[in-house]
Amino acid sequence: MTAMIFAQAHAKNHNSARNESLNLTDRFVMTGAPVRAFTLPMKQHTQASLRHSSHAASRKTVAGPPTSTDDVPAPLDGCQEIDVGNTYGAPTAPTGTLRCFQFITEPSNKITVYVADLPAGEQHDVHLFEVANDGTWNPLDSVLGIDSFKVTQAIRAKPTGILLLIDAQQAVGGATFQFQATTTSKFDGWEANDSLTRATHLTGNIYLRAYLDNANDFDYYSIAPPATQSSTSLTFTGSSRQVIERQGEDGTWISLANNRKYQIRVPAGDTIHIRVYSPLGDALPEDQYWIKTSDPLNRAGIDQYSSNENLSGLAPGLPRVAREIDVGVTVWDEAGNVPQGAGEHVTIEVYDSDGRKGTPTLLAQTDGLTNAQGSFAAKLDIGPCRGPGIEGPHRFNTYSVPAEYWDITYVPKAFVVAYTDNNRRIEWPGIVFFTHVCDERYRGYRP
């Protein structure tokens, strides 16, 4: 079986139940039968077709020192040793027995085991155990149920021995299934999340970056939007070798287009389930992708606007700006209570205006993405006044004795606006006014 076939099987099967609290050793001891009585040698297995590609080879090549024999336990008697990366075929066990396989991992590895072609209607539970040097079995992952395809995963920081148990709960036995154990040392911080039951759980609106670490990799996410939102905007940006799918209400997976924003209705307390994978198994680790969710009715609020220019300070209105203005913006949810976090696209525009219904003149524009605090800041070069709304020159004087006089031309109703892609409404706090100082001429002490 090739890696692509595993990926295709994975795409069709996604509802396996998982119970990591199951202690297989205790259950067998309670039946009165010793554990080793059930660790039967596997019948002569036949190695199935394996894709001998550079990508497959890279899964077996791990940075770091060679594994020391002192770091891992001795092989378990009666348990078939297998090689990481190879694909195997084996007969299923009858009810009450199991198949046992063991392998060794390198340091700092993500371990993923794929089991496919289990007989329909039969229950074969799949378990991963770590075997300590003293022989203790530590449970890592379990997938229960009647699905014909199952994925188990774990991340271990040191070399270790791993047991893979295929436990026949309700089965005839003798049917051929296939399985493969893979490891990789190059994975993102959202792993291990290769199945729906191991989905990375996220709350609120999120902006994440990740990648697929091998041809078989599936990345699942469960996102719980804020309860104050009735819908959520979802955007995926990735390479042509990746696809994103969202789970519909009927459990089927719906493909979403790359770099397109979707508005998804999410009742309060519900969760969005999404997954990313490579249908052809040709994704590269350098193919990063981004997932962004936000409030479709969010809004930008200007919370800072000022200038450090050396002006007389006599023109009416605040702040006074001549040629450049510093603007800070925060993006909030619709209620204006919760910052939206990183990755929200913000546009800032600066205008001259007469304060009435006439068409304002655009002076400068910029855009960017918010940081983790939901904020974006920029310095805009607005240049000289270009009207409408220019007043003056008017003469102003200081209150010193003797007074000093200035002739000043200015626009009293210049303004800054900020908005998001979701919401282009121009209203407070997304609009603020300032005085655009066009020209200041010093007259000295002459009135």
Protein backbone atom coordinates (compact mmCIF):
# COMPACT_ATOMS: atom_id res chain seq x y z
CA MET A 1 0.00 0.00 0.00
CA THR A 2 1.40 3.38 -0.88
CA ALA A 3 1.38 6.49 1.27
CA MET A 4 -1.24 8.00 -1.07
CA ILE A 5 -3.60 5.09 -0.39
CA PHE A 6 -3.25 5.70 3.35
CA ALA A 7 -4.09 9.37 2.74
CA GLN A 8 -7.15 8.46 0.68
CA ALA A 9 -8.33 6.04 3.34
CA HIS A 10 -7.79 8.73 5.94
CA ALA A 11 -9.89 11.22 4.00
CA LYS A 12 -12.82 8.79 3.97
CA ASN A 13 -12.66 7.74 7.63
CA HIS A 14 -12.70 10.34 10.36
CA ASN A 15 -15.07 9.42 13.19
CA SER A 16 -13.01 6.95 15.24
CA ALA A 17 -13.64 7.14 18.95
CA ARG A 18 -10.66 7.54 21.24
CA ASN A 19 -10.15 6.55 24.87
CA GLU A 20 -6.68 7.15 26.24
CA SER A 21 -7.66 6.05 29.75
CA LEU A 22 -7.99 2.40 28.67
CA ASN A 23 -5.42 0.23 30.47
CA LEU A 24 -5.05 -2.87 28.33
CA THR A 25 -2.75 -4.65 30.77
CA ASP A 26 -5.19 -4.42 33.69
CA ARG A 27 -8.09 -5.60 31.54
CA PHE A 28 -6.28 -8.79 30.50
CA VAL A 29 -5.06 -9.49 34.03
CA MET A 30 -8.64 -9.23 35.31
CA THR A 31 -9.75 -11.93 32.86
CA GLY A 32 -7.40 -14.31 34.61
CA ALA A 33 -5.13 -14.73 31.59
CA PRO A 34 -1.57 -13.40 31.62
CA VAL A 35 -0.81 -10.59 29.19
CA ARG A 36 1.88 -12.54 27.38
CA ALA A 37 -0.58 -15.26 26.53
CA PHE A 38 -2.22 -12.78 24.19
CA THR A 39 0.97 -11.38 22.66
CA LEU A 40 0.95 -14.06 19.99
CA PRO A 41 3.61 -14.14 17.30
CA MET A 42 2.30 -12.75 14.07
CA LYS A 43 1.97 -15.19 11.18
CA GLN A 44 4.49 -14.73 8.44
CA HIS A 45 3.78 -11.19 7.20
CA THR A 46 4.27 -10.00 3.67
CA GLN A 47 5.69 -6.55 3.13
CA ALA A 48 3.31 -4.60 0.94
CA SER A 49 4.33 -2.12 -1.70
CA LEU A 50 6.13 0.86 -0.24
CA ARG A 51 6.77 4.11 -2.00
CA HIS A 52 10.57 4.21 -2.00
CA SER A 53 10.86 7.94 -2.55
CA SER A 54 13.16 10.54 -1.11
CA HIS A 55 10.20 11.80 0.87
CA ALA A 56 9.58 8.40 2.44
CA ALA A 57 13.26 8.08 3.20
CA SER A 58 13.29 11.46 4.89
CA ARG A 59 10.75 10.21 7.41
CA LYS A 60 13.32 7.68 8.60
CA THR A 61 16.24 10.10 8.69
CA VAL A 62 16.33 11.91 12.01
CA ALA A 63 18.80 14.50 13.23
CA GLY A 64 20.66 13.75 16.44
CA PRO A 65 23.01 11.10 17.86
CA PRO A 66 22.44 7.41 17.18
CA THR A 67 20.06 5.67 19.54
CA SER A 68 21.89 3.99 22.41
CA THR A 69 20.88 0.44 23.28
CA ASP A 70 20.88 1.58 26.93
CA ASP A 71 18.06 4.05 26.17
CA VAL A 72 15.47 1.52 25.01
CA PRO A 73 14.06 -1.71 26.45
CA ALA A 74 14.88 -5.17 25.17
CA PRO A 75 12.47 -6.59 22.56
CA LEU A 76 9.31 -8.11 23.97
CA ASP A 77 9.05 -11.86 23.40
CA GLY A 78 6.23 -12.89 21.10
CA CYS A 79 5.82 -9.41 19.61
CA GLN A 80 6.80 -8.94 15.95
CA GLU A 81 9.53 -6.36 15.31
CA ILE A 82 8.83 -3.97 12.41
CA ASP A 83 10.74 -1.18 10.67
CA VAL A 84 9.59 2.42 10.73
CA GLY A 85 8.49 3.58 7.28
CA ASN A 86 7.70 0.16 5.82
CA THR A 87 4.14 -0.90 5.02
CA TYR A 88 3.06 -4.34 6.21
CA GLY A 89 0.17 -6.73 5.70
CA ALA A 90 -1.01 -9.09 8.43
CA PRO A 91 -4.03 -11.25 9.31
CA THR A 92 -6.48 -9.96 11.90
CA ALA A 93 -6.80 -11.78 15.21
CA PRO A 94 -10.02 -13.50 16.34
CA THR A 95 -12.12 -12.15 19.20
CA GLY A 96 -10.28 -12.11 22.53
CA THR A 97 -6.77 -12.06 21.07
CA LEU A 98 -4.57 -9.39 19.55
CA ARG A 99 -1.66 -8.79 17.21
CA CYS A 100 1.43 -7.19 18.71
CA PHE A 101 4.16 -5.28 16.85
CA GLN A 102 7.11 -3.32 18.22
CA PHE A 103 9.57 -0.73 16.94
CA ILE A 104 12.12 1.78 18.19
CA THR A 105 11.90 5.55 17.76
CA GLU A 106 14.62 8.19 17.67
CA PRO A 107 14.73 11.28 19.96
CA SER A 108 12.23 14.13 19.55
CA ASN A 109 9.94 12.27 17.19
CA LYS A 110 6.29 12.51 16.27
CA ILE A 111 5.04 8.92 15.93
CA THR A 112 2.09 8.17 13.66
CA VAL A 113 0.70 4.70 12.99
CA TYR A 114 -1.81 4.08 10.20
CA VAL A 115 -3.96 0.95 10.24
CA ALA A 116 -6.12 0.29 7.17
CA ASP A 117 -8.43 -2.33 5.64
CA LEU A 118 -9.79 -3.68 8.92
CA PRO A 119 -12.87 -5.83 8.16
CA ALA A 120 -16.18 -3.99 7.96
CA GLY A 121 -18.47 -4.54 10.93
CA GLU A 122 -15.69 -5.89 13.15
CA GLN A 123 -14.16 -4.04 16.07
CA HIS A 124 -10.38 -3.98 16.24
CA ASP A 125 -9.10 -1.45 18.79
CA VAL A 126 -5.67 0.03 18.14
CA HIS A 127 -3.35 0.95 21.03
CA LEU A 128 0.10 2.52 21.33
CA PHE A 129 2.21 1.84 24.41
CA GLU A 130 5.66 3.06 25.40
CA VAL A 131 7.76 0.39 27.08
CA ALA A 132 10.05 1.68 29.82
CA ASN A 133 13.43 0.12 30.62
CA ASP A 134 11.88 -1.66 33.60
CA GLY A 135 9.25 -3.25 31.34
CA THR A 136 6.40 -0.96 32.39
CA TRP A 137 3.83 -0.24 29.71
CA ASN A 138 2.78 3.42 29.51
CA PRO A 139 -0.34 4.09 27.38
CA LEU A 140 0.16 6.73 24.67
CA ASP A 141 -2.95 6.57 22.52
CA SER A 142 -5.97 4.37 21.79
CA VAL A 143 -8.53 4.39 18.98
CA LEU A 144 -11.62 2.27 19.50
CA GLY A 145 -14.57 1.35 17.33
CA ILE A 146 -15.48 -0.35 14.07
CA ASP A 147 -13.86 2.06 11.59
CA SER A 148 -11.76 0.22 9.02
CA PHE A 149 -9.08 2.94 9.12
CA LYS A 150 -7.49 4.21 12.31
CA VAL A 151 -4.66 6.60 13.21
CA THR A 152 -2.76 6.63 16.51
CA GLN A 153 -0.17 9.21 17.47
CA ALA A 154 2.29 10.31 20.13
CA ILE A 155 5.26 12.64 20.54
CA ARG A 156 8.25 11.41 22.50
CA ALA A 157 11.32 13.43 23.47
CA LYS A 158 13.71 10.51 23.89
CA PRO A 159 14.48 7.17 22.20
CA THR A 160 11.91 4.64 23.26
CA GLY A 161 10.37 1.27 22.47
CA ILE A 162 6.82 1.36 21.12
CA LEU A 163 4.21 -1.40 21.13
CA LEU A 164 1.42 -1.40 18.55
CA LEU A 165 -1.48 -3.62 19.62
CA ILE A 166 -4.38 -4.53 17.30
CA ASP A 167 -6.93 -5.85 19.78
CA ALA A 168 -9.83 -7.93 18.40
CA GLN A 169 -12.94 -7.04 20.38
CA GLN A 170 -15.42 -8.57 17.95
CA ALA A 171 -13.84 -10.33 14.99
CA VAL A 172 -13.67 -13.55 13.03
CA GLY A 173 -9.94 -13.34 12.35
CA GLY A 174 -7.83 -14.15 9.33
CA ALA A 175 -8.68 -11.10 7.23
CA THR A 176 -5.69 -9.13 5.90
CA PHE A 177 -5.19 -5.58 7.14
CA GLN A 178 -2.32 -3.20 6.44
CA PHE A 179 -0.38 -0.85 8.68
CA GLN A 180 2.57 1.51 8.69
CA ALA A 181 4.50 3.29 11.45
CA THR A 182 6.12 6.61 10.56
CA THR A 183 8.21 9.06 12.53
CA THR A 184 9.42 12.58 11.86
CA SER A 185 11.51 15.06 13.81
CA LYS A 186 10.25 18.05 11.81
CA PHE A 187 6.76 19.02 12.91
CA ASP A 188 4.97 22.20 13.98
CA GLY A 189 3.77 23.10 17.46
CA TRP A 190 0.15 22.12 16.75
CA GLU A 191 0.96 18.40 16.50
CA ALA A 192 -0.02 15.70 17.18
CA ASN A 193 -3.34 16.32 15.39
CA ASP A 194 -3.58 13.79 12.56
CA SER A 195 -7.15 12.69 13.33
CA LEU A 196 -10.41 14.32 14.34
CA THR A 197 -10.21 12.81 17.80
CA ARG A 198 -6.74 14.37 18.23
CA ALA A 199 -7.74 17.73 16.78
CA THR A 200 -5.97 20.79 18.15
CA HIS A 201 -8.58 22.64 20.21
CA LEU A 202 -8.58 26.43 19.87
CA THR A 203 -10.88 29.01 21.42
CA GLY A 204 -11.77 32.51 20.29
CA ASN A 205 -10.72 33.98 16.98
CA ILE A 206 -7.38 32.61 15.80
CA TYR A 207 -4.58 33.22 13.33
CA LEU A 208 -2.22 30.26 13.03
CA ARG A 209 0.64 29.15 10.82
CA ALA A 210 1.49 25.49 10.29
CA TYR A 211 2.67 22.95 7.70
CA LEU A 212 2.20 19.32 6.70
CA ASP A 213 5.26 17.39 7.86
CA ASN A 214 4.93 14.37 5.54
CA ALA A 215 2.89 12.96 2.66
CA ASN A 216 0.40 11.27 5.00
CA ASP A 217 0.01 14.18 7.39
CA PHE A 218 -3.48 15.41 8.23
CA ASP A 219 -3.89 18.45 10.48
CA TYR A 220 -7.23 18.67 12.32
CA TYR A 221 -8.44 21.70 14.26
CA SER A 222 -11.53 22.28 16.41
CA ILE A 223 -12.24 25.98 16.80
CA ALA A 224 -14.73 27.33 19.35
CA PRO A 225 -15.55 30.95 18.35
CA PRO A 226 -16.55 33.50 21.01
CA ALA A 227 -20.09 32.92 22.27
CA THR A 228 -20.96 36.52 21.39
CA GLN A 229 -20.66 35.72 17.65
CA SER A 230 -23.46 34.13 15.63
CA SER A 231 -21.13 33.52 12.68
CA THR A 232 -17.41 33.38 11.93
CA SER A 233 -15.28 34.42 8.96
CA LEU A 234 -12.80 31.69 7.95
CA THR A 235 -9.88 32.17 5.54
CA PHE A 236 -7.28 29.58 4.48
CA THR A 237 -4.07 30.53 2.66
CA GLY A 238 -1.81 27.71 1.50
CA SER A 239 -0.04 26.13 -1.46
CA SER A 240 -1.67 24.38 -4.42
CA ARG A 241 -0.52 21.07 -2.91
CA GLN A 242 -2.72 21.53 0.15
CA VAL A 243 -6.48 21.55 0.63
CA ILE A 244 -8.68 22.61 3.54
CA GLU A 245 -12.03 21.05 4.36
CA ARG A 246 -14.73 21.93 6.87
CA GLN A 247 -16.97 19.31 8.44
CA GLY A 248 -20.63 19.92 7.63
CA GLU A 249 -23.59 19.30 9.91
CA ASP A 250 -24.09 15.83 8.37
CA GLY A 251 -20.47 14.83 9.08
CA THR A 252 -19.26 15.08 5.50
CA TRP A 253 -16.21 17.16 4.62
CA ILE A 254 -16.67 20.23 2.41
CA SER A 255 -13.74 21.61 0.37
CA LEU A 256 -12.99 25.32 0.73
CA ALA A 257 -11.15 27.44 -1.81
CA ASN A 258 -7.66 28.75 -1.14
CA ASN A 259 -7.37 32.42 -0.13
CA ARG A 260 -11.12 33.02 -0.01
CA LYS A 261 -13.10 34.26 2.98
CA TYR A 262 -16.11 32.20 4.10
CA GLN A 263 -18.80 33.24 6.53
CA ILE A 264 -19.95 30.28 8.61
CA ARG A 265 -22.95 30.31 10.92
CA VAL A 266 -21.95 28.97 14.33
CA PRO A 267 -24.60 28.79 17.09
CA ALA A 268 -23.34 29.75 20.54
CA GLY A 269 -21.34 26.91 22.07
CA ASP A 270 -20.76 25.09 18.78
CA THR A 271 -17.38 24.21 17.28
CA ILE A 272 -15.95 24.43 13.75
CA HIS A 273 -14.04 21.31 12.67
CA ILE A 274 -11.52 21.75 9.85
CA ARG A 275 -8.66 19.73 8.41
CA VAL A 276 -5.74 20.34 6.04
CA TYR A 277 -4.00 17.64 3.99
CA SER A 278 -2.34 16.90 0.66
CA PRO A 279 -4.65 14.83 -1.62
CA LEU A 280 -1.76 13.72 -3.84
CA GLY A 281 0.75 13.30 -1.04
CA ASP A 282 3.11 15.84 -2.62
CA ALA A 283 3.09 18.59 0.04
CA LEU A 284 6.52 19.86 1.10
CA PRO A 285 7.45 20.89 4.66
CA GLU A 286 8.28 24.37 3.39
CA ASP A 287 4.67 24.70 2.15
CA GLN A 288 3.32 26.68 5.07
CA TYR A 289 -0.34 27.52 5.45
CA TRP A 290 -2.33 30.06 7.45
CA ILE A 291 -5.81 29.81 8.98
CA LYS A 292 -7.63 32.92 10.15
CA THR A 293 -11.00 33.27 11.87
CA SER A 294 -12.65 36.51 12.91
CA ASP A 295 -15.93 38.22 13.73
CA PRO A 296 -17.64 39.08 10.41
CA LEU A 297 -18.95 42.26 12.06
CA ASN A 298 -15.71 43.33 13.70
CA ARG A 299 -14.64 46.97 13.51
CA ALA A 300 -11.50 49.02 13.70
CA GLY A 301 -11.10 51.66 16.38
CA ILE A 302 -8.46 54.42 16.22
CA ASP A 303 -6.93 54.70 19.66
CA GLN A 304 -3.89 56.86 18.89
CA TYR A 305 -3.22 59.65 16.38
CA SER A 306 -0.59 62.34 16.80
CA SER A 307 2.40 64.15 15.31
CA ASN A 308 5.80 65.05 16.72
CA GLU A 309 6.35 67.94 14.30
CA ASN A 310 7.62 71.30 15.53
CA LEU A 311 4.57 73.55 15.18
CA SER A 312 3.53 76.81 16.86
CA GLY A 313 0.57 75.14 18.55
CA LEU A 314 -1.67 78.11 17.76
CA ALA A 315 -3.96 76.67 15.08
CA PRO A 316 -7.35 75.68 16.57
CA GLY A 317 -8.20 72.03 17.13
CA LEU A 318 -6.27 68.96 18.31
CA PRO A 319 -4.15 67.26 17.34
CA ARG A 320 -2.29 69.54 14.93
CA VAL A 321 -0.54 67.80 12.05
CA ALA A 322 1.48 69.29 9.19
CA ARG A 323 3.08 66.62 6.99
CA GLU A 324 3.00 63.26 8.82
CA ILE A 325 0.72 61.54 11.31
CA ASP A 326 1.18 58.48 13.54
CA VAL A 327 -1.94 56.32 13.75
CA GLY A 328 -2.65 53.34 16.01
CA VAL A 329 -5.63 51.05 15.43
CA THR A 330 -7.17 48.15 17.37
CA VAL A 331 -9.68 45.74 15.83
CA TRP A 332 -12.57 44.78 18.12
CA ASP A 333 -15.49 42.39 17.92
CA GLU A 334 -18.89 43.77 16.98
CA ALA A 335 -19.67 44.70 20.59
CA GLY A 336 -16.37 46.55 20.94
CA ASN A 337 -15.31 44.48 23.94
CA VAL A 338 -12.83 41.86 22.69
CA PRO A 339 -9.68 42.56 20.60
CA GLN A 340 -9.59 40.32 17.51
CA GLY A 341 -5.99 39.17 17.76
CA ALA A 342 -3.36 38.70 15.06
CA GLY A 343 -3.77 38.68 11.30
CA GLU A 344 -6.73 41.01 10.83
CA HIS A 345 -6.31 43.18 7.73
CA VAL A 346 -6.69 46.91 8.48
CA THR A 347 -6.81 49.87 6.09
CA ILE A 348 -6.04 53.45 7.22
CA GLU A 349 -6.90 56.52 5.11
CA VAL A 350 -6.32 60.25 5.74
CA TYR A 351 -8.43 62.98 4.14
CA ASP A 352 -8.78 66.77 3.86
CA SER A 353 -12.41 67.77 4.27
CA ASP A 354 -14.68 70.77 4.73
CA GLY A 355 -16.72 68.89 7.34
CA ARG A 356 -19.85 68.94 5.22
CA LYS A 357 -21.20 66.64 2.51
CA GLY A 358 -18.63 67.56 -0.09
CA THR A 359 -16.22 64.97 -1.44
CA PRO A 360 -13.09 64.77 0.76
CA THR A 361 -9.59 64.59 -0.75
CA LEU A 362 -7.50 61.49 -0.03
CA LEU A 363 -4.06 62.45 1.29
CA ALA A 364 -2.53 59.08 2.22
CA GLN A 365 -3.43 55.42 2.61
CA THR A 366 -1.78 52.34 4.11
CA ASP A 367 -2.75 48.87 5.29
CA GLY A 368 -1.36 45.98 7.29
CA LEU A 369 -2.11 43.08 9.64
CA THR A 370 -2.78 43.32 13.35
CA ASN A 371 -0.39 41.85 15.91
CA ALA A 372 -1.23 39.38 18.68
CA GLN A 373 -2.91 42.16 20.65
CA GLY A 374 -5.17 43.03 17.72
CA SER A 375 -3.31 46.29 17.01
CA PHE A 376 -1.71 47.88 13.96
CA ALA A 377 0.30 51.12 13.86
CA ALA A 378 1.66 53.16 10.96
CA LYS A 379 3.21 56.54 10.13
CA LEU A 380 1.54 58.22 7.13
CA ASP A 381 3.06 60.98 5.01
CA ILE A 382 0.07 63.21 4.29
CA GLY A 383 1.97 66.03 2.54
CA PRO A 384 0.65 69.59 2.01
CA CYS A 385 -3.02 70.58 2.17
CA ARG A 386 -5.03 69.76 -0.92
CA GLY A 387 -8.49 70.89 0.25
CA PRO A 388 -11.37 71.12 0.50
CA GLY A 389 -11.88 73.01 3.76
CA ILE A 390 -8.73 75.17 3.70
CA GLU A 391 -9.06 78.28 5.91
CA GLY A 392 -6.81 81.30 6.24
CA PRO A 393 -4.31 82.58 6.44
CA HIS A 394 -5.54 83.71 9.87
CA ARG A 395 -3.40 85.60 12.36
CA PHE A 396 -2.76 84.11 15.78
CA ASN A 397 -0.62 85.29 18.66
CA THR A 398 0.96 83.89 21.79
CA TYR A 399 -0.02 85.05 25.28
CA SER A 400 3.53 86.07 26.11
CA VAL A 401 4.54 89.66 26.73
CA PRO A 402 5.35 90.92 24.26
CA ALA A 403 3.14 88.66 22.08
CA GLU A 404 4.49 86.87 19.01
CA TYR A 405 2.38 86.64 15.86
CA TRP A 406 1.84 83.93 13.23
CA ASP A 407 -0.13 83.73 9.99
CA ILE A 408 -1.53 80.19 9.72
CA THR A 409 -3.41 78.37 6.95
CA TYR A 410 -5.09 75.11 7.97
CA VAL A 411 -7.88 72.57 7.41
CA PRO A 412 -9.88 72.25 10.66
CA LYS A 413 -11.88 69.18 9.59
CA ALA A 414 -9.23 66.80 8.23
CA PHE A 415 -9.86 63.24 9.38
CA VAL A 416 -8.47 59.70 9.64
CA VAL A 417 -10.56 56.57 9.04
CA ALA A 418 -9.73 52.92 9.71
CA TYR A 419 -11.68 49.83 8.70
CA THR A 420 -11.36 46.06 8.30
CA ASP A 421 -12.12 43.86 5.32
CA ASN A 422 -15.15 42.54 7.18
CA ASN A 423 -16.62 45.91 8.05
CA ARG A 424 -16.18 49.12 6.07
CA ARG A 425 -18.58 51.21 8.16
CA ILE A 426 -17.19 54.69 8.73
CA GLU A 427 -18.25 55.65 12.24
CA TRP A 428 -16.68 56.35 15.62
CA PRO A 429 -14.27 55.05 16.83
CA GLY A 430 -13.11 54.27 13.30
CA ILE A 431 -13.06 57.98 12.35
CA VAL A 432 -11.31 60.86 14.13
CA PHE A 433 -10.72 64.51 13.18
CA PHE A 434 -7.58 66.61 13.38
CA THR A 435 -6.26 69.99 12.23
CA HIS A 436 -4.13 69.80 9.10
CA VAL A 437 -1.69 72.71 9.27
CA CYS A 438 -0.95 73.86 5.73
CA ASP A 439 1.44 76.74 6.41
CA GLU A 440 2.75 78.78 9.35
CA ARG A 441 4.53 82.14 8.79
CA TYR A 442 6.21 83.80 11.74
CA ARG A 443 5.70 87.61 11.94
CA GLY A 444 7.67 88.28 15.07
CA TYR A 445 6.26 90.95 17.40
CA ARG A 446 4.31 92.84 14.69
CA PRO A 447 0.51 92.49 14.95
